[in-house]
Amino acid sequence: MCVINQIAAAIWWFYISKLLELMDTVIFILRKKTNQISFLHVFHHASMFFLWWIGVKWVAGGMCTFSLLKIFLAHHTAIGIIVSSVCLSRSVCDAVHCG
């Protein structure tokens, strides 16, 4: 199998994993587990699924894959930093108010 085809196959499997993560979020919403999700959580999983669809549809192999991967990693890292900051600020506020 050609390297580009292997990269394209790996990207398809990663795209499927984003679908599973989105379905997990949908299940949280349907079960009304609002303490486990936030707007940022829902936005992140919905946008990642959509963005990876673009990547799979138009950029599924070749040199563009690396550039696309950098963009997605930057998005994922930025969301991770924001979520971590929110969680940290909530835990600090809870510790100050409860103590």
C-alpha atoms as a PDB file:
ATOM      1  CA  MET A   1       0.000   0.000   0.000  1.00  0.00           C
ATOM      2  CA  CYS A   2       1.288   3.450  -0.900  1.00  0.00           C
ATOM      3  CA  VAL A   3       2.293   5.765   1.972  1.00  0.00           C
ATOM      4  CA  ILE A   4      -0.282   8.360   0.908  1.00  0.00           C
ATOM      5  CA  ASN A   5      -3.009   5.707   0.995  1.00  0.00           C
ATOM      6  CA  GLN A   6      -1.855   4.663   4.470  1.00  0.00           C
ATOM      7  CA  ILE A   7      -2.035   8.271   5.640  1.00  0.00           C
ATOM      8  CA  ALA A   8      -5.507   8.643   4.109  1.00  0.00           C
ATOM      9  CA  ALA A   9      -6.665   5.431   5.842  1.00  0.00           C
ATOM     10  CA  ALA A  10      -5.298   6.634   9.184  1.00  0.00           C
ATOM     11  CA  ILE A  11      -7.078   9.962   8.771  1.00  0.00           C
ATOM     12  CA  TRP A  12     -10.354   8.159   8.041  1.00  0.00           C
ATOM     13  CA  TRP A  13      -9.982   6.127  11.251  1.00  0.00           C
ATOM     14  CA  PHE A  14      -9.213   9.297  13.210  1.00  0.00           C
ATOM     15  CA  TYR A  15     -12.318  10.888  11.694  1.00  0.00           C
ATOM     16  CA  ILE A  16     -14.385   7.908  12.897  1.00  0.00           C
ATOM     17  CA  SER A  17     -12.953   8.420  16.409  1.00  0.00           C
ATOM     18  CA  LYS A  18     -14.198  12.036  16.287  1.00  0.00           C
ATOM     19  CA  LEU A  19     -17.670  10.700  15.437  1.00  0.00           C
ATOM     20  CA  LEU A  20     -17.537   8.415  18.477  1.00  0.00           C
ATOM     21  CA  GLU A  21     -16.515  11.338  20.699  1.00  0.00           C
ATOM     22  CA  LEU A  22     -19.376  13.430  19.316  1.00  0.00           C
ATOM     23  CA  MET A  23     -21.830  10.586  19.948  1.00  0.00           C
ATOM     24  CA  ASP A  24     -20.555  10.355  23.527  1.00  0.00           C
ATOM     25  CA  THR A  25     -21.347  14.056  23.949  1.00  0.00           C
ATOM     26  CA  VAL A  26     -24.813  13.571  22.421  1.00  0.00           C
ATOM     27  CA  ILE A  27     -25.462  10.762  24.911  1.00  0.00           C
ATOM     28  CA  PHE A  28     -24.467  13.089  27.772  1.00  0.00           C
ATOM     29  CA  ILE A  29     -26.925  15.679  26.465  1.00  0.00           C
ATOM     30  CA  LEU A  30     -29.759  13.168  26.033  1.00  0.00           C
ATOM     31  CA  ARG A  31     -29.169  11.782  29.539  1.00  0.00           C
ATOM     32  CA  LYS A  32     -29.219  15.378  30.847  1.00  0.00           C
ATOM     33  CA  LYS A  33     -25.800  14.983  32.480  1.00  0.00           C
ATOM     34  CA  THR A  34     -25.223  18.741  32.423  1.00  0.00           C
ATOM     35  CA  ASN A  35     -22.604  18.555  35.171  1.00  0.00           C
ATOM     36  CA  GLN A  36     -20.355  16.627  32.752  1.00  0.00           C
ATOM     37  CA  ILE A  37     -20.631  18.918  29.729  1.00  0.00           C
ATOM     38  CA  SER A  38     -20.321  22.598  28.929  1.00  0.00           C
ATOM     39  CA  PHE A  39     -20.888  24.734  25.864  1.00  0.00           C
ATOM     40  CA  LEU A  40     -17.168  24.580  25.157  1.00  0.00           C
ATOM     41  CA  HIS A  41     -17.227  20.767  25.341  1.00  0.00           C
ATOM     42  CA  VAL A  42     -20.123  20.537  22.873  1.00  0.00           C
ATOM     43  CA  PHE A  43     -18.628  23.179  20.577  1.00  0.00           C
ATOM     44  CA  HIS A  44     -15.252  21.433  20.578  1.00  0.00           C
ATOM     45  CA  HIS A  45     -16.604  18.003  19.644  1.00  0.00           C
ATOM     46  CA  ALA A  46     -19.009  19.363  17.031  1.00  0.00           C
ATOM     47  CA  SER A  47     -16.355  21.573  15.427  1.00  0.00           C
ATOM     48  CA  MET A  48     -13.696  18.834  15.452  1.00  0.00           C
ATOM     49  CA  PHE A  49     -16.059  16.457  13.682  1.00  0.00           C
ATOM     50  CA  PHE A  50     -16.840  19.098  11.047  1.00  0.00           C
ATOM     51  CA  LEU A  51     -13.195  20.186  10.608  1.00  0.00           C
ATOM     52  CA  TRP A  52     -11.969  16.609  10.258  1.00  0.00           C
ATOM     53  CA  TRP A  53     -14.704  15.985   7.680  1.00  0.00           C
ATOM     54  CA  ILE A  54     -13.168  18.815   5.645  1.00  0.00           C
ATOM     55  CA  GLY A  55      -9.753  17.219   6.085  1.00  0.00           C
ATOM     56  CA  VAL A  56     -10.972  13.786   5.037  1.00  0.00           C
ATOM     57  CA  LYS A  57     -12.972  15.109   2.100  1.00  0.00           C
ATOM     58  CA  TRP A  58     -10.380  17.392   0.525  1.00  0.00           C
ATOM     59  CA  VAL A  59      -6.993  16.805   2.168  1.00  0.00           C
ATOM     60  CA  ALA A  60      -6.831  13.097   2.966  1.00  0.00           C
ATOM     61  CA  GLY A  61      -3.204  12.533   1.994  1.00  0.00           C
ATOM     62  CA  GLY A  62      -0.028  14.089   0.698  1.00  0.00           C
ATOM     63  CA  MET A  63       1.902  17.094   1.919  1.00  0.00           C
ATOM     64  CA  CYS A  64      -1.242  19.058   2.818  1.00  0.00           C
ATOM     65  CA  THR A  65      -1.961  16.508   5.535  1.00  0.00           C
ATOM     66  CA  PHE A  66       0.891  17.784   7.680  1.00  0.00           C
ATOM     67  CA  SER A  67      -0.305  21.411   7.436  1.00  0.00           C
ATOM     68  CA  LEU A  68      -3.848  20.365   8.236  1.00  0.00           C
ATOM     69  CA  LEU A  69      -2.627  18.318  11.187  1.00  0.00           C
ATOM     70  CA  LYS A  70      -0.821  21.366  12.588  1.00  0.00           C
ATOM     71  CA  ILE A  71      -4.013  23.436  12.356  1.00  0.00           C
ATOM     72  CA  PHE A  72      -6.067  20.768  14.123  1.00  0.00           C
ATOM     73  CA  LEU A  73      -3.442  20.293  16.828  1.00  0.00           C
ATOM     74  CA  ALA A  74      -3.395  24.051  17.426  1.00  0.00           C
ATOM     75  CA  HIS A  75      -7.212  24.053  17.736  1.00  0.00           C
ATOM     76  CA  HIS A  76      -7.151  21.062  20.067  1.00  0.00           C
ATOM     77  CA  THR A  77      -4.385  22.578  22.210  1.00  0.00           C
ATOM     78  CA  ALA A  78      -6.155  25.937  22.458  1.00  0.00           C
ATOM     79  CA  ILE A  79      -9.412  24.298  23.549  1.00  0.00           C
ATOM     80  CA  GLY A  80      -7.489  22.167  26.069  1.00  0.00           C
ATOM     81  CA  ILE A  81      -5.854  25.240  27.584  1.00  0.00           C
ATOM     82  CA  ILE A  82      -9.186  27.044  27.850  1.00  0.00           C
ATOM     83  CA  VAL A  83     -10.941  24.054  29.441  1.00  0.00           C
ATOM     84  CA  SER A  84      -8.084  23.502  31.880  1.00  0.00           C
ATOM     85  CA  SER A  85      -8.100  27.187  32.828  1.00  0.00           C
ATOM     86  CA  VAL A  86     -11.847  27.149  33.464  1.00  0.00           C
ATOM     87  CA  CYS A  87     -11.584  23.979  35.574  1.00  0.00           C
ATOM     88  CA  LEU A  88      -8.656  25.406  37.545  1.00  0.00           C
ATOM     89  CA  SER A  89     -10.450  28.688  38.196  1.00  0.00           C
ATOM     90  CA  ARG A  90     -13.574  26.826  39.338  1.00  0.00           C
ATOM     91  CA  SER A  91     -11.594  24.627  41.712  1.00  0.00           C
ATOM     92  CA  VAL A  92      -9.751  27.638  43.148  1.00  0.00           C
ATOM     93  CA  CYS A  93     -13.033  29.520  43.598  1.00  0.00           C
ATOM     94  CA  ASP A  94     -14.622  26.484  45.258  1.00  0.00           C
ATOM     95  CA  ALA A  95     -11.646  26.108  47.603  1.00  0.00           C
ATOM     96  CA  VAL A  96     -11.750  29.788  48.577  1.00  0.00           C
ATOM     97  CA  HIS A  97     -15.508  29.874  49.136  1.00  0.00           C
ATOM     98  CA  CYS A  98     -15.699  26.534  50.935  1.00  0.00           C
ATOM     99  CA  GLY A  99     -12.648  27.136  53.138  1.00  0.00           C
END
